[in-house]
Amino acid sequence: MKTGLILPNNLWFCPYVNIYVNLLKELSVDYDVISWNRDGVKEDAIQFNYTLKSRRSLSMLWAYLKFARFVRKTVKSNAYDRLIVFTPQAAIFISGFLKRNFKGKYIFDYRDLSIEQNPLFKRRFVGVLSSSYVNVVSSPGFLKYLPEGFEYIQSHNFDISAAIASIGHHAVMKDNNIIDVLTIGGIRDYESNAEIMRSLANIDGVSLRFVGKGPSAADLEELANEIEAENVEFKGYYPKEKEGEYIADSDFMNIYYPRRPSHDTALSNRFYNSLIYKKPMITTADTIQGDYTLKYGVGVAVKDCKDLPKKLKEFLKEMDKAEFEQNCDELMRTFISDYDRWNNVIRTFYRI
């Protein structure tokens, strides 16, 4: 049995693919990743090499049509028995192909609110949901935006072995007096990161690091130079195996996002890493991540960055380390339970 994993982005930006890859390897299932190489970086995948010239609607539409044609051709030539399709964009543009050739033989994995919210794509999206073997969502926050009448199971973007190992594990505590705030991974949202930067720039006892790459990285670095932020550092691309080292050196994980439905409903990679490495998080209030943060006491949830340095210092001063670690474990156990259900469903899919 051979599987194609369809991903409209570079693998580096989509670590959630690994939860499927790891399980496919365990099940000895032959697979290929079919990805869109937007960055011009060679990766272990069958790549659609196309760099976006513009993010305007017509340019994006044309690009996705080309990607969909590449996917259909690749799937046919490799004679896959099963597919795993990530993101509504990818699924919608090959929806007819999926219904005709893979009804009940593909998994649809939903990660972000996107074009399916546009009435023009609603019908195609419902077709994607109705023709799949199972529909997977990565956050319960998405459910209020998704069509009713379908069953959705939840996955989580973490290495299950790391998640299990984190239970009962104690956080690495630093010896110095500097509060290090870390933004790691894809650097995408300029406004929220700029707000964090302006709030923390040149504050005694605080440092801010941006480790990763993305469309907003260069603009944020330019802003840091403009405001002469001496306590802000940029590191750019990093190999994923180094991620844990950067997180261990931090005191807070920056997961402060702008208020948009797509951001309000998602659970980010940094959110899980905050729990695994037991590092307090900074999240946006009145969002799914902010709600978890407050309910379990695993960081600060803020509506804006006013007085943020004071809030960070107060949290660390009042934090009971043992209680904080227990809270991280309690939340992670609920996610591991979700993972177990997802794991059983995917295993059944490959026994059919």
Protein backbone atom coordinates (compact mmCIF):
# COMPACT_ATOMS: atom_id res chain seq x y z
CA MET A 1 0.00 0.00 0.00
CA LYS A 2 1.39 3.40 -1.01
CA THR A 3 0.37 6.79 0.35
CA GLY A 4 0.80 10.33 -0.93
CA LEU A 5 0.86 13.20 1.57
CA ILE A 6 -0.21 16.42 -0.15
CA LEU A 7 1.11 19.65 1.34
CA PRO A 8 0.88 23.14 -0.26
CA ASN A 9 3.99 24.51 1.44
CA ASN A 10 7.59 23.74 2.37
CA LEU A 11 8.04 20.97 4.90
CA TRP A 12 10.07 23.25 7.17
CA PHE A 13 6.97 25.35 7.86
CA CYS A 14 4.74 22.30 8.48
CA PRO A 15 6.17 20.09 11.24
CA TYR A 16 2.71 18.60 11.81
CA VAL A 17 3.34 16.35 8.81
CA ASN A 18 5.74 14.40 11.03
CA ILE A 19 2.99 12.94 13.21
CA TYR A 20 1.72 11.11 10.12
CA VAL A 21 5.17 10.27 8.76
CA ASN A 22 6.22 8.72 12.07
CA LEU A 23 3.10 6.54 12.18
CA LEU A 24 3.45 5.50 8.52
CA LYS A 25 7.03 4.40 9.21
CA GLU A 26 5.86 2.43 12.23
CA LEU A 27 3.21 0.72 10.08
CA SER A 28 5.76 0.09 7.27
CA VAL A 29 3.61 2.04 4.80
CA ASP A 30 5.41 3.28 1.69
CA TYR A 31 4.81 7.02 1.24
CA ASP A 32 5.83 10.19 -0.59
CA VAL A 33 5.36 13.78 0.46
CA ILE A 34 4.13 15.95 -2.41
CA SER A 35 4.93 19.53 -1.42
CA TRP A 36 4.96 23.05 -2.81
CA ASN A 37 8.50 24.38 -2.72
CA ARG A 38 7.79 28.07 -2.17
CA ASP A 39 11.22 28.85 -0.73
CA GLY A 40 13.37 27.23 -3.40
CA VAL A 41 14.81 24.87 -0.80
CA LYS A 42 15.48 21.21 -1.61
CA GLU A 43 13.64 18.92 0.80
CA ASP A 44 12.88 15.21 1.05
CA ALA A 45 9.71 15.42 -1.03
CA ILE A 46 8.33 15.42 -4.56
CA GLN A 47 8.39 19.17 -4.99
CA PHE A 48 6.30 21.58 -7.02
CA ASN A 49 8.86 24.33 -7.61
CA TYR A 50 7.03 27.62 -7.88
CA THR A 51 7.84 30.90 -6.13
CA LEU A 52 4.93 33.25 -5.55
CA LYS A 53 5.43 36.60 -7.24
CA SER A 54 2.48 38.16 -5.44
CA ARG A 55 -0.09 37.27 -2.78
CA ARG A 56 -2.94 38.98 -4.62
CA SER A 57 -6.05 36.86 -5.08
CA LEU A 58 -5.65 36.21 -8.81
CA SER A 59 -1.95 35.33 -8.42
CA MET A 60 -2.74 32.93 -5.57
CA LEU A 61 -5.59 31.38 -7.54
CA TRP A 62 -3.36 30.78 -10.55
CA ALA A 63 -0.62 29.32 -8.35
CA TYR A 64 -3.01 26.89 -6.65
CA LEU A 65 -4.43 25.79 -9.98
CA LYS A 66 -0.89 24.97 -11.15
CA PHE A 67 -0.16 23.16 -7.88
CA ALA A 68 -3.41 21.16 -8.20
CA ARG A 69 -2.46 20.10 -11.73
CA PHE A 70 0.97 19.02 -10.48
CA VAL A 71 -0.64 17.00 -7.66
CA ARG A 72 -3.10 15.21 -9.93
CA LYS A 73 -0.34 14.29 -12.38
CA THR A 74 1.96 13.08 -9.59
CA VAL A 75 -0.75 11.02 -7.88
CA LYS A 76 -1.70 9.32 -11.14
CA SER A 77 1.89 8.54 -12.14
CA ASN A 78 2.73 7.06 -8.73
CA ALA A 79 -0.51 5.07 -8.37
CA TYR A 80 -1.12 5.82 -4.70
CA ASP A 81 -3.68 3.72 -2.82
CA ARG A 82 -4.31 6.28 -0.07
CA LEU A 83 -3.87 10.04 0.31
CA ILE A 84 -3.48 12.40 3.24
CA VAL A 85 -4.43 15.94 2.22
CA PHE A 86 -3.37 18.88 4.36
CA THR A 87 -5.16 22.26 4.39
CA PRO A 88 -8.51 23.24 2.86
CA GLN A 89 -6.77 25.09 0.02
CA ALA A 90 -5.08 21.94 -1.28
CA ALA A 91 -8.19 19.81 -0.83
CA ILE A 92 -10.60 22.26 -2.47
CA PHE A 93 -8.54 22.62 -5.64
CA ILE A 94 -8.46 18.85 -6.15
CA SER A 95 -11.92 18.13 -4.68
CA GLY A 96 -13.39 16.64 -7.87
CA PHE A 97 -10.32 14.45 -8.35
CA LEU A 98 -10.60 13.21 -4.76
CA LYS A 99 -14.30 12.38 -5.08
CA ARG A 100 -13.86 10.51 -8.38
CA ASN A 101 -10.74 8.56 -7.50
CA PHE A 102 -10.29 8.43 -3.71
CA LYS A 103 -13.71 8.52 -2.07
CA GLY A 104 -13.29 7.02 1.38
CA LYS A 105 -9.58 6.56 0.70
CA TYR A 106 -8.14 9.85 1.90
CA ILE A 107 -7.69 11.62 5.20
CA PHE A 108 -8.39 15.34 5.26
CA ASP A 109 -6.30 17.26 7.80
CA TYR A 110 -7.56 20.77 8.61
CA ARG A 111 -5.05 23.24 10.05
CA ASP A 112 -6.25 26.81 9.50
CA LEU A 113 -9.29 28.82 8.51
CA SER A 114 -8.86 29.72 4.88
CA ILE A 115 -10.69 29.92 1.55
CA GLU A 116 -13.37 27.45 2.68
CA GLN A 117 -14.91 30.39 4.60
CA ASN A 118 -15.58 32.10 1.26
CA PRO A 119 -19.08 31.26 -0.05
CA LEU A 120 -17.57 30.59 -3.49
CA PHE A 121 -15.76 27.52 -2.10
CA LYS A 122 -18.33 26.25 0.43
CA ARG A 123 -19.82 23.59 -1.85
CA ARG A 124 -16.42 22.17 -2.82
CA PHE A 125 -15.38 22.12 0.81
CA VAL A 126 -18.48 20.19 1.87
CA GLY A 127 -17.62 17.73 -0.90
CA VAL A 128 -14.15 17.30 0.56
CA LEU A 129 -15.59 16.58 4.02
CA SER A 130 -18.23 14.15 2.76
CA SER A 131 -15.85 12.12 0.55
CA SER A 132 -13.05 11.62 3.06
CA TYR A 133 -12.46 8.62 5.30
CA VAL A 134 -12.04 10.94 8.28
CA ASN A 135 -11.72 14.68 8.88
CA VAL A 136 -9.00 15.71 11.31
CA VAL A 137 -8.78 19.12 13.01
CA SER A 138 -5.83 20.42 14.97
CA SER A 139 -7.79 22.66 17.35
CA PRO A 140 -11.26 22.59 18.96
CA GLY A 141 -11.41 26.31 18.20
CA PHE A 142 -12.11 25.53 14.52
CA LEU A 143 -15.34 23.67 15.16
CA LYS A 144 -17.59 26.75 15.35
CA TYR A 145 -16.46 27.70 11.84
CA LEU A 146 -16.81 24.26 10.24
CA PRO A 147 -19.97 22.75 8.69
CA GLU A 148 -22.19 20.78 11.05
CA GLY A 149 -23.24 17.22 10.37
CA PHE A 150 -19.72 15.82 10.04
CA GLU A 151 -17.58 14.01 12.59
CA TYR A 152 -14.22 15.60 13.33
CA ILE A 153 -11.43 14.02 15.32
CA GLN A 154 -8.64 16.03 16.88
CA SER A 155 -4.93 15.69 16.30
CA HIS A 156 -2.12 17.57 17.98
CA ASN A 157 1.11 18.82 16.50
CA PHE A 158 3.68 17.23 18.73
CA ASP A 159 6.02 14.29 18.82
CA ILE A 160 4.04 11.85 20.98
CA SER A 161 7.18 10.41 22.54
CA ALA A 162 8.29 13.91 23.58
CA ALA A 163 4.80 14.69 24.89
CA ILE A 164 4.72 11.53 27.02
CA ALA A 165 8.28 12.07 28.23
CA SER A 166 7.37 15.60 29.33
CA ILE A 167 4.91 14.29 31.95
CA GLY A 168 6.65 14.59 35.30
CA HIS A 169 9.71 16.16 33.71
CA HIS A 170 11.10 19.27 35.40
CA ALA A 171 11.83 22.47 33.51
CA VAL A 172 15.37 23.68 32.89
CA MET A 173 15.81 26.79 35.00
CA LYS A 174 18.33 29.48 34.08
CA ASP A 175 20.81 30.97 36.49
CA ASN A 176 20.93 34.57 35.21
CA ASN A 177 18.49 37.39 35.95
CA ILE A 178 17.52 38.12 32.34
CA ILE A 179 13.96 37.26 31.27
CA ASP A 180 14.38 35.81 27.79
CA VAL A 181 11.32 35.93 25.52
CA LEU A 182 11.59 33.57 22.56
CA THR A 183 9.76 33.67 19.22
CA ILE A 184 10.73 30.49 17.38
CA GLY A 185 9.65 28.93 14.08
CA GLY A 186 7.81 30.73 11.29
CA ILE A 187 8.07 34.53 11.70
CA ARG A 188 4.84 35.57 9.99
CA ASP A 189 2.82 38.18 11.86
CA TYR A 190 4.39 41.61 11.73
CA GLU A 191 1.90 43.65 13.77
CA SER A 192 1.78 41.46 16.86
CA ASN A 193 5.53 40.82 16.89
CA ALA A 194 6.21 44.52 16.39
CA GLU A 195 3.94 45.26 19.35
CA ILE A 196 5.87 42.78 21.49
CA MET A 197 9.16 44.28 20.35
CA ARG A 198 8.18 47.87 21.08
CA SER A 199 6.97 46.83 24.54
CA LEU A 200 10.17 44.96 25.48
CA ALA A 201 12.81 46.97 23.60
CA ASN A 202 15.65 48.17 25.83
CA ILE A 203 13.91 47.11 29.04
CA ASP A 204 16.44 46.24 31.75
CA GLY A 205 16.45 42.55 32.62
CA VAL A 206 14.58 41.49 29.45
CA SER A 207 15.76 40.09 26.11
CA LEU A 208 13.79 39.17 22.99
CA ARG A 209 14.91 36.58 20.44
CA PHE A 210 13.50 35.78 17.01
CA VAL A 211 14.75 32.38 15.89
CA GLY A 212 13.42 31.21 12.54
CA LYS A 213 12.41 32.59 9.18
CA GLY A 214 9.30 33.88 7.50
CA PRO A 215 7.77 36.75 5.54
CA SER A 216 7.95 39.24 8.44
CA ALA A 217 11.46 38.47 9.68
CA ALA A 218 13.25 41.10 7.57
CA ASP A 219 10.73 43.84 8.40
CA LEU A 220 10.98 43.09 12.11
CA GLU A 221 14.76 43.22 11.98
CA GLU A 222 14.49 46.57 10.22
CA LEU A 223 12.18 47.81 12.97
CA ALA A 224 14.64 46.68 15.63
CA ASN A 225 17.31 48.78 13.93
CA GLU A 226 14.99 51.78 13.62
CA ILE A 227 14.13 51.84 17.33
CA GLU A 228 17.71 50.85 18.28
CA ALA A 229 16.53 47.85 20.27
CA GLU A 230 19.77 46.55 21.74
CA ASN A 231 18.15 43.64 23.56
CA VAL A 232 16.55 42.12 20.43
CA GLU A 233 18.32 39.34 18.52
CA PHE A 234 17.61 37.54 15.22
CA LYS A 235 19.01 34.13 14.32
CA GLY A 236 17.20 33.07 11.15
CA TYR A 237 16.94 29.50 9.92
CA TYR A 238 17.80 26.68 12.32
CA PRO A 239 17.77 22.88 12.00
CA LYS A 240 14.78 21.42 13.82
CA GLU A 241 17.00 19.22 16.01
CA LYS A 242 18.34 22.43 17.60
CA GLU A 243 14.89 23.70 18.55
CA GLY A 244 14.92 22.24 22.04
CA GLU A 245 18.20 23.98 22.88
CA TYR A 246 16.77 27.39 22.00
CA ILE A 247 13.61 26.75 24.00
CA ALA A 248 15.56 25.52 27.04
CA ASP A 249 17.42 28.84 27.11
CA SER A 250 14.19 30.86 27.23
CA ASP A 251 11.88 32.01 30.03
CA PHE A 252 8.74 32.79 28.01
CA MET A 253 7.48 31.61 24.64
CA ASN A 254 5.97 34.39 22.55
CA ILE A 255 2.63 33.17 21.13
CA TYR A 256 1.01 36.60 21.00
CA TYR A 257 -0.97 36.80 17.75
CA PRO A 258 -3.23 39.42 16.14
CA ARG A 259 -7.00 39.10 16.62
CA ARG A 260 -8.25 37.31 13.54
CA PRO A 261 -10.53 34.25 13.35
CA SER A 262 -7.69 32.19 11.83
CA HIS A 263 -5.37 33.06 14.72
CA ASP A 264 -8.02 33.03 17.45
CA THR A 265 -8.88 29.38 16.75
CA ALA A 266 -5.52 27.71 16.11
CA LEU A 267 -3.11 25.91 18.45
CA SER A 268 0.46 26.69 17.40
CA ASN A 269 3.67 24.67 17.49
CA ARG A 270 4.99 27.04 20.14
CA PHE A 271 1.99 26.33 22.33
CA TYR A 272 2.82 22.62 22.49
CA ASN A 273 6.53 23.29 22.94
CA SER A 274 5.72 25.57 25.88
CA LEU A 275 3.99 22.64 27.57
CA ILE A 276 6.61 20.05 26.63
CA TYR A 277 9.54 22.16 27.82
CA LYS A 278 7.48 23.72 30.62
CA LYS A 279 8.12 27.31 29.63
CA PRO A 280 5.45 29.93 30.44
CA MET A 281 3.74 31.36 27.36
CA ILE A 282 2.52 34.77 26.28
CA THR A 283 -0.79 34.37 24.45
CA THR A 284 -3.61 36.59 23.21
CA ALA A 285 -6.60 36.88 25.54
CA ASP A 286 -10.03 35.66 24.40
CA THR A 287 -8.60 33.11 21.97
CA ILE A 288 -8.35 29.31 22.22
CA GLN A 289 -4.71 29.58 23.32
CA GLY A 290 -5.49 32.41 25.72
CA ASP A 291 -8.35 30.43 27.25
CA TYR A 292 -6.11 27.41 27.86
CA THR A 293 -3.41 29.69 29.28
CA LEU A 294 -5.73 31.18 31.87
CA LYS A 295 -7.62 27.98 32.71
CA TYR A 296 -4.45 26.00 33.39
CA GLY A 297 -2.23 28.83 34.66
CA VAL A 298 0.55 28.19 32.14
CA GLY A 299 1.41 31.79 31.29
CA VAL A 300 -0.03 35.24 30.71
CA ALA A 301 -2.88 36.02 28.30
CA VAL A 302 -2.97 39.68 27.29
CA LYS A 303 -5.24 41.87 25.16
CA ASP A 304 -2.33 44.14 24.30
CA CYS A 305 1.29 44.60 25.27
CA LYS A 306 0.78 47.52 27.60
CA ASP A 307 2.82 46.93 30.79
CA LEU A 308 3.98 43.59 29.42
CA PRO A 309 7.42 43.67 31.14
CA LYS A 310 5.68 44.19 34.49
CA LYS A 311 3.27 41.31 33.84
CA LEU A 312 6.09 38.93 32.93
CA LYS A 313 8.08 39.79 36.03
CA GLU A 314 5.01 39.43 38.26
CA PHE A 315 4.15 36.04 36.77
CA LEU A 316 7.63 34.66 37.42
CA LYS A 317 7.72 36.15 40.91
CA GLU A 318 4.38 34.59 41.88
CA MET A 319 4.81 31.30 40.01
CA ASP A 320 4.99 28.15 42.09
CA LYS A 321 7.28 25.99 39.97
CA ALA A 322 5.85 22.64 41.09
CA GLU A 323 2.26 23.79 40.55
CA PHE A 324 3.13 25.26 37.14
CA GLU A 325 4.70 21.99 36.03
CA GLN A 326 1.67 20.02 37.24
CA ASN A 327 -0.60 22.34 35.25
CA CYS A 328 1.45 21.75 32.10
CA ASP A 329 1.19 17.98 32.68
CA GLU A 330 -2.57 18.12 33.27
CA LEU A 331 -3.21 19.91 29.98
CA MET A 332 -0.79 17.71 28.09
CA ARG A 333 -2.56 14.57 29.35
CA THR A 334 -5.81 15.75 27.75
CA PHE A 335 -3.97 16.23 24.45
CA ILE A 336 -2.33 12.81 24.69
CA SER A 337 -5.82 11.32 25.10
CA ASP A 338 -6.87 13.07 21.86
CA TYR A 339 -3.76 11.72 20.17
CA ASP A 340 -4.59 8.15 21.20
CA ARG A 341 -7.98 8.37 19.51
CA TRP A 342 -6.43 9.88 16.35
CA ASN A 343 -3.80 7.14 16.36
CA ASN A 344 -6.43 4.38 16.52
CA VAL A 345 -8.45 5.90 13.67
CA ILE A 346 -5.42 6.23 11.36
CA ARG A 347 -4.35 2.66 12.11
CA THR A 348 -7.83 1.44 11.19
CA PHE A 349 -7.62 3.41 7.92
CA TYR A 350 -4.58 1.34 6.92
CA ARG A 351 -6.20 -1.96 7.86
CA ILE A 352 -9.10 -1.52 5.43
